Amino acid sequence: MFSRVVNLRMASASVLQRLNQRAKQAESIITELKQQIEILRQNAAVTISKPEEERLKTENQKLRTEVEELKSQLILAEIKNGVKQVPLPTNRTVMKAEPPKKESPLEPEVKQAPVKTSNKKPEKSDKKEKKPANDGEPKAKKGKNEPAAEGKMDVSRLDFRVGQIVDVKKHPDADSLYIEEVDVGEGKNRTVVSGLVKHIPIEQMQNKVAVFMCNLKPAKMRGVLSEAMIMCASTPEKVEILNIPPGAVIGDKVTCKEYPGTPDAQLNPKKKVWETLAPELRVNKDKVATFRGDPLQIEGKGVLTSPTLKDVQIK
């Protein structure tokens, strides 16, 4: 009897020990399951948030590109309208310079001069009449190069020349602009900034021979001074550089027979010459570049053409 009791006690002790072991195992399994559930939750959150994050990044990049494009278009429009691109002054003291103060003391001297001599009033009055005439002469001389040109508003005032792009790179501060070094036959290259990145690959720009307008007033575009403008057939969706005729060489002049004349040395932005003439420069239905319907040509070599565009503006 006693041995049975002992055996029962030993059996119950082993059962309790097994139950304790199983309870511990169950607790460890539950802990692991909780950890796995937490990991699954985190992964699920990442899986859901990642596509949204990527979408927002893509949209942000698109917006940045659009803003840069709009900025470059605004700069180009301002330059074509004669607005000079000048960085903000950093030293305000420079703005305080007043050269007119130097001239102000001269005015009383001129006014007092006739009072000194009463006997020779007519002579000095004649001299005074000559002085304004002499003062006016330089202004008239400056105008001699412009009035003759101002009397006619046609394509002969624009200096179109054949040039070759000898080097090209993207503008460091504007994604839509190229910076080109162009040989137009002057013995030194001109720097030209063009908003063609979206329309023409950089490989096609390198060593490209094209027509450039060379008498626009140089202006800075995002910190780089542009000294000419490449001429293109243009629409909002597509832009093509104009083709030159076979046999044309660097430095050749582009003219229009119906409008002979000598180009301005430099267009005066205040006179709005380019803004007035630009709408009359077009590629016709035969892809020939024209001014008021008359072809633009290199004498003895042929006319300018567009690769594919017809009846569009030249810019």
Protein backbone atom coordinates (compact mmCIF):
# COMPACT_ATOMS: atom_id res chain seq x y z
CA MET A 1 0.00 0.00 0.00
CA PHE A 2 2.74 2.35 0.98
CA SER A 3 4.58 1.66 -2.28
CA ARG A 4 1.48 2.58 -4.28
CA VAL A 5 1.20 5.95 -2.56
CA VAL A 6 4.85 6.62 -3.26
CA ASN A 7 4.38 5.70 -6.92
CA LEU A 8 1.34 7.98 -7.22
CA ARG A 9 3.24 10.88 -5.71
CA MET A 10 6.16 10.31 -8.06
CA ALA A 11 3.81 10.09 -11.05
CA SER A 12 2.03 13.31 -10.11
CA ALA A 13 5.36 15.10 -9.65
CA SER A 14 6.50 14.08 -13.14
CA VAL A 15 3.15 15.20 -14.59
CA LEU A 16 3.51 18.59 -12.89
CA GLN A 17 7.04 18.90 -14.20
CA ARG A 18 5.85 18.16 -17.78
CA LEU A 19 3.02 20.66 -17.44
CA ASN A 20 5.47 23.33 -16.27
CA GLN A 21 7.75 22.62 -19.21
CA ARG A 22 4.85 22.81 -21.67
CA ALA A 23 3.66 26.08 -20.10
CA LYS A 24 7.13 27.57 -20.57
CA GLN A 25 7.25 26.35 -24.15
CA ALA A 26 3.81 27.85 -24.78
CA GLU A 27 4.96 31.19 -23.35
CA SER A 28 8.06 31.23 -25.57
CA ILE A 29 5.95 30.33 -28.61
CA ILE A 30 3.51 33.15 -27.79
CA THR A 31 6.41 35.61 -27.42
CA GLU A 32 7.85 34.58 -30.79
CA LEU A 33 4.41 34.87 -32.40
CA LYS A 34 4.00 38.38 -30.99
CA GLN A 35 7.40 39.37 -32.38
CA GLN A 36 6.56 37.93 -35.79
CA ILE A 37 3.19 39.73 -35.80
CA GLU A 38 4.94 43.05 -35.00
CA ILE A 39 7.45 42.48 -37.79
CA LEU A 40 4.61 41.70 -40.20
CA ARG A 41 2.85 44.92 -39.17
CA GLN A 42 5.97 47.00 -39.76
CA ASN A 43 6.59 45.37 -43.14
CA ALA A 44 2.99 45.96 -44.12
CA ALA A 45 3.27 49.64 -43.18
CA VAL A 46 6.49 50.00 -45.21
CA THR A 47 4.93 48.19 -48.17
CA ILE A 48 1.97 50.58 -48.14
CA SER A 49 4.01 53.76 -47.58
CA LYS A 50 6.82 53.09 -50.07
CA PRO A 51 4.75 53.43 -53.28
CA GLU A 52 3.19 56.63 -51.93
CA GLU A 53 6.63 57.99 -51.06
CA GLU A 54 7.95 57.17 -54.51
CA ARG A 55 4.92 58.79 -56.12
CA LEU A 56 5.42 61.98 -54.12
CA LYS A 57 9.12 62.07 -55.01
CA THR A 58 8.30 61.68 -58.71
CA GLU A 59 5.69 64.44 -58.60
CA ASN A 60 8.10 66.71 -56.72
CA GLN A 61 10.80 66.17 -59.37
CA LYS A 62 8.29 66.91 -62.15
CA LEU A 63 7.26 70.13 -60.44
CA ARG A 64 10.90 71.18 -60.07
CA THR A 65 11.53 70.51 -63.75
CA GLU A 66 8.43 72.48 -64.75
CA VAL A 67 9.49 75.42 -62.55
CA GLU A 68 12.98 75.44 -64.10
CA GLU A 69 11.46 75.30 -67.58
CA LEU A 70 9.12 78.20 -66.80
CA LYS A 71 12.04 80.19 -65.38
CA SER A 72 14.14 79.65 -68.50
CA GLN A 73 11.18 80.56 -70.75
CA LEU A 74 10.67 83.74 -68.75
CA ILE A 75 14.36 84.64 -69.07
CA LEU A 76 14.32 84.02 -72.83
CA ALA A 77 11.15 86.09 -73.21
CA GLU A 78 12.66 88.95 -71.20
CA ILE A 79 15.84 88.91 -73.29
CA LYS A 80 13.85 88.92 -76.54
CA ASN A 81 11.87 91.88 -75.19
CA GLY A 82 15.06 93.77 -74.41
CA VAL A 83 15.06 93.25 -70.64
CA LYS A 84 18.63 93.13 -69.41
CA GLN A 85 19.41 90.32 -66.94
CA VAL A 86 21.34 91.99 -64.11
CA PRO A 87 22.15 90.39 -60.73
CA LEU A 88 20.98 92.24 -57.63
CA PRO A 89 23.59 94.74 -56.36
CA THR A 90 25.45 93.61 -53.28
CA ASN A 91 26.96 97.00 -52.39
CA ARG A 92 24.39 99.73 -51.96
CA THR A 93 27.02 102.40 -51.73
CA VAL A 94 27.67 102.01 -55.45
CA MET A 95 24.09 103.09 -56.10
CA LYS A 96 24.67 106.30 -54.17
CA ALA A 97 27.11 107.67 -56.73
CA GLU A 98 25.67 110.83 -58.31
CA PRO A 99 27.75 111.94 -61.31
CA PRO A 100 25.20 114.69 -62.20
CA LYS A 101 26.44 116.66 -59.16
CA LYS A 102 29.71 117.27 -61.04
CA GLU A 103 27.79 118.85 -63.89
CA SER A 104 25.63 121.08 -61.68
CA PRO A 105 28.41 123.63 -60.91
CA LEU A 106 29.01 124.07 -64.64
CA GLU A 107 25.48 125.27 -65.30
CA PRO A 108 25.73 128.46 -63.23
CA GLU A 109 29.07 129.28 -64.92
CA VAL A 110 27.47 129.10 -68.35
CA LYS A 111 24.53 131.19 -67.17
CA GLN A 112 26.81 133.85 -65.64
CA ALA A 113 29.11 134.07 -68.66
CA PRO A 114 26.84 136.35 -70.76
CA VAL A 115 26.43 138.77 -67.83
CA LYS A 116 30.16 139.57 -67.73
CA THR A 117 30.38 141.20 -71.16
CA SER A 118 27.77 143.72 -72.20
CA ASN A 119 29.53 145.11 -75.31
CA LYS A 120 29.78 141.82 -77.17
CA LYS A 121 26.43 140.36 -76.42
CA PRO A 122 25.66 139.34 -79.98
CA GLU A 123 29.04 137.62 -80.37
CA LYS A 124 28.74 135.65 -77.17
CA SER A 125 25.14 134.85 -77.88
CA ASP A 126 26.28 133.49 -81.23
CA LYS A 127 28.93 131.43 -79.50
CA LYS A 128 26.35 130.14 -77.11
CA GLU A 129 24.13 129.21 -79.95
CA LYS A 130 27.03 127.31 -81.47
CA LYS A 131 27.80 125.51 -78.23
CA PRO A 132 24.44 123.76 -78.02
CA ALA A 133 24.80 123.01 -81.71
CA ASN A 134 28.21 121.46 -81.00
CA ASP A 135 26.82 119.65 -77.98
CA GLY A 136 24.06 118.33 -80.14
CA GLU A 137 26.36 117.21 -82.93
CA PRO A 138 27.73 114.14 -81.16
CA LYS A 139 24.18 113.12 -80.41
CA ALA A 140 23.29 113.59 -84.04
CA LYS A 141 26.36 111.59 -85.06
CA LYS A 142 25.33 108.76 -82.80
CA GLY A 143 21.95 108.94 -84.36
CA LYS A 144 23.34 108.83 -87.90
CA ASN A 145 23.97 105.13 -87.57
CA GLU A 146 20.48 104.62 -86.12
CA PRO A 147 18.12 107.15 -87.81
CA ALA A 148 18.95 105.77 -91.23
CA ALA A 149 18.16 102.34 -89.88
CA GLU A 150 15.21 103.64 -87.89
CA GLY A 151 13.73 105.01 -91.09
CA LYS A 152 13.18 101.44 -92.25
CA MET A 153 12.03 98.56 -90.12
CA ASP A 154 13.02 95.41 -91.99
CA VAL A 155 15.24 92.33 -91.85
CA SER A 156 18.31 94.17 -93.17
CA ARG A 157 18.82 95.52 -89.64
CA LEU A 158 19.36 92.00 -88.26
CA ASP A 159 22.88 90.52 -88.38
CA PHE A 160 22.40 86.84 -89.32
CA ARG A 161 25.61 84.82 -89.74
CA VAL A 162 26.64 81.19 -90.19
CA GLY A 163 28.45 79.77 -87.16
CA GLN A 164 29.57 76.43 -85.77
CA ILE A 165 29.09 75.16 -82.22
CA VAL A 166 32.59 74.04 -81.19
CA ASP A 167 31.67 73.14 -77.61
CA VAL A 168 28.40 72.64 -75.72
CA LYS A 169 27.40 71.77 -72.16
CA LYS A 170 24.36 72.01 -69.92
CA HIS A 171 23.92 75.14 -67.81
CA PRO A 172 24.90 74.29 -64.21
CA ASP A 173 21.98 76.30 -62.79
CA ALA A 174 19.21 75.66 -65.35
CA ASP A 175 18.16 72.19 -66.52
CA SER A 176 16.62 73.47 -69.78
CA LEU A 177 19.57 75.59 -71.01
CA TYR A 178 22.68 74.78 -73.05
CA ILE A 179 25.86 76.88 -72.95
CA GLU A 180 27.54 76.86 -76.38
CA GLU A 181 30.88 78.17 -77.64
CA VAL A 182 30.27 79.33 -81.22
CA ASP A 183 32.68 80.27 -84.02
CA VAL A 184 31.06 82.91 -86.27
CA GLY A 185 34.22 83.83 -88.14
CA GLU A 186 35.42 86.66 -85.88
CA GLY A 187 38.67 85.06 -84.73
CA LYS A 188 37.26 84.38 -81.26
CA ASN A 189 34.27 82.38 -80.10
CA ARG A 190 31.01 83.78 -78.79
CA THR A 191 29.15 82.33 -75.82
CA VAL A 192 25.51 81.52 -76.59
CA VAL A 193 22.86 80.32 -74.11
CA SER A 194 19.94 78.42 -75.69
CA GLY A 195 16.83 76.83 -74.20
CA LEU A 196 17.01 73.69 -76.36
CA VAL A 197 17.69 70.91 -73.83
CA LYS A 198 14.11 69.56 -74.05
CA HIS A 199 14.08 69.63 -77.86
CA ILE A 200 17.54 68.69 -79.17
CA PRO A 201 19.97 66.11 -77.67
CA ILE A 202 23.39 67.44 -76.72
CA GLU A 203 25.05 65.02 -79.19
CA GLN A 204 23.24 66.78 -82.07
CA MET A 205 24.32 70.19 -80.79
CA GLN A 206 28.05 69.39 -80.82
CA ASN A 207 29.75 70.75 -83.99
CA LYS A 208 26.37 71.84 -85.38
CA VAL A 209 26.58 74.47 -88.14
CA ALA A 210 23.66 76.89 -87.91
CA VAL A 211 22.55 80.51 -88.29
CA PHE A 212 23.01 82.93 -85.37
CA MET A 213 21.73 86.46 -84.84
CA CYS A 214 24.79 88.37 -83.72
CA ASN A 215 23.68 91.95 -83.01
CA LEU A 216 21.35 91.46 -80.04
CA LYS A 217 22.63 93.26 -76.97
CA PRO A 218 24.49 90.66 -74.83
CA ALA A 219 22.52 89.68 -71.74
CA LYS A 220 23.04 87.35 -68.80
CA MET A 221 20.96 84.18 -68.59
CA ARG A 222 21.17 82.61 -65.13
CA GLY A 223 24.56 84.20 -64.60
CA VAL A 224 26.06 83.41 -68.06
CA LEU A 225 26.46 86.20 -70.66
CA SER A 226 24.82 85.22 -73.97
CA GLU A 227 26.27 87.01 -77.03
CA ALA A 228 24.06 85.70 -79.84
CA MET A 229 20.92 83.66 -80.57
CA ILE A 230 20.59 80.46 -82.59
CA MET A 231 17.75 80.63 -85.14
CA CYS A 232 15.15 77.84 -85.13
CA ALA A 233 11.80 76.91 -86.61
CA SER A 234 9.65 76.76 -83.52
CA THR A 235 6.34 75.53 -82.13
CA PRO A 236 5.38 74.96 -78.46
CA GLU A 237 5.81 71.20 -79.00
CA LYS A 238 8.80 71.05 -81.39
CA VAL A 239 11.89 73.13 -82.20
CA GLU A 240 14.27 72.58 -85.15
CA ILE A 241 17.54 74.38 -85.91
CA LEU A 242 17.42 75.94 -89.39
CA ASN A 243 19.49 74.21 -92.10
CA ILE A 244 22.03 76.19 -94.13
CA PRO A 245 22.48 75.62 -97.90
CA PRO A 246 25.30 73.41 -99.25
CA GLY A 247 28.59 75.26 -99.68
CA ALA A 248 27.95 77.78 -96.89
CA VAL A 249 30.90 78.43 -94.60
CA ILE A 250 31.43 79.95 -91.17
CA GLY A 251 30.95 83.72 -91.22
CA ASP A 252 28.65 83.81 -94.30
CA LYS A 253 25.97 86.52 -94.08
CA VAL A 254 22.28 85.71 -94.41
CA THR A 255 20.32 88.35 -96.34
CA CYS A 256 17.01 88.99 -98.09
CA LYS A 257 17.30 90.34 -101.67
CA GLU A 258 14.13 92.41 -101.36
CA TYR A 259 15.48 94.22 -98.28
CA PRO A 260 19.12 95.28 -98.88
CA GLY A 261 21.06 97.20 -96.24
CA THR A 262 23.68 97.07 -93.52
CA PRO A 263 22.73 95.53 -90.13
CA ASP A 264 22.85 97.64 -86.97
CA ALA A 265 26.13 97.21 -85.08
CA GLN A 266 23.98 96.40 -82.05
CA LEU A 267 20.20 96.52 -81.67
CA ASN A 268 18.97 99.08 -79.17
CA PRO A 269 16.55 97.24 -76.83
CA LYS A 270 14.57 100.47 -76.30
CA LYS A 271 13.75 100.66 -80.03
CA LYS A 272 12.13 97.17 -79.96
CA VAL A 273 13.57 96.31 -83.40
CA TRP A 274 13.76 92.56 -82.83
CA GLU A 275 10.34 92.45 -81.14
CA THR A 276 8.82 94.28 -84.13
CA LEU A 277 10.47 92.16 -86.84
CA ALA A 278 10.37 88.72 -85.19
CA PRO A 279 6.68 87.96 -85.99
CA GLU A 280 7.43 88.46 -89.72
CA LEU A 281 10.14 85.77 -89.75
CA ARG A 282 8.50 82.46 -90.68
CA VAL A 283 9.10 79.13 -92.38
CA ASN A 284 6.64 78.83 -95.29
CA LYS A 285 4.71 75.76 -96.51
CA ASP A 286 7.78 74.74 -98.57
CA LYS A 287 9.98 74.78 -95.40
CA VAL A 288 11.87 77.89 -96.65
CA ALA A 289 12.82 80.55 -94.09
CA THR A 290 11.30 83.90 -95.09
CA PHE A 291 10.77 87.52 -94.07
CA ARG A 292 7.39 88.90 -95.12
CA GLY A 293 7.18 85.99 -97.53
CA ASP A 294 10.57 86.63 -99.21
CA PRO A 295 13.28 83.96 -98.74
CA LEU A 296 16.30 84.34 -96.48
CA GLN A 297 19.42 83.25 -98.34
CA ILE A 298 23.19 83.12 -98.48
CA GLU A 299 24.05 84.84 -101.73
CA GLY A 300 25.14 82.43 -104.45
CA LYS A 301 24.61 79.37 -102.24
CA GLY A 302 20.90 79.02 -101.54
CA VAL A 303 18.13 79.54 -99.02
CA LEU A 304 17.67 78.57 -95.37
CA THR A 305 15.22 75.74 -94.65
CA SER A 306 13.72 73.83 -91.74
CA PRO A 307 14.23 70.04 -91.48
CA THR A 308 10.48 69.18 -91.28
CA LEU A 309 8.38 72.03 -89.84
CA LYS A 310 6.16 74.09 -92.17
CA ASP A 311 4.32 77.39 -91.78
CA VAL A 312 5.73 78.14 -88.32
CA GLN A 313 7.50 80.98 -86.54
CA ILE A 314 11.28 81.48 -86.58
CA LYS A 315 12.73 82.28 -83.16
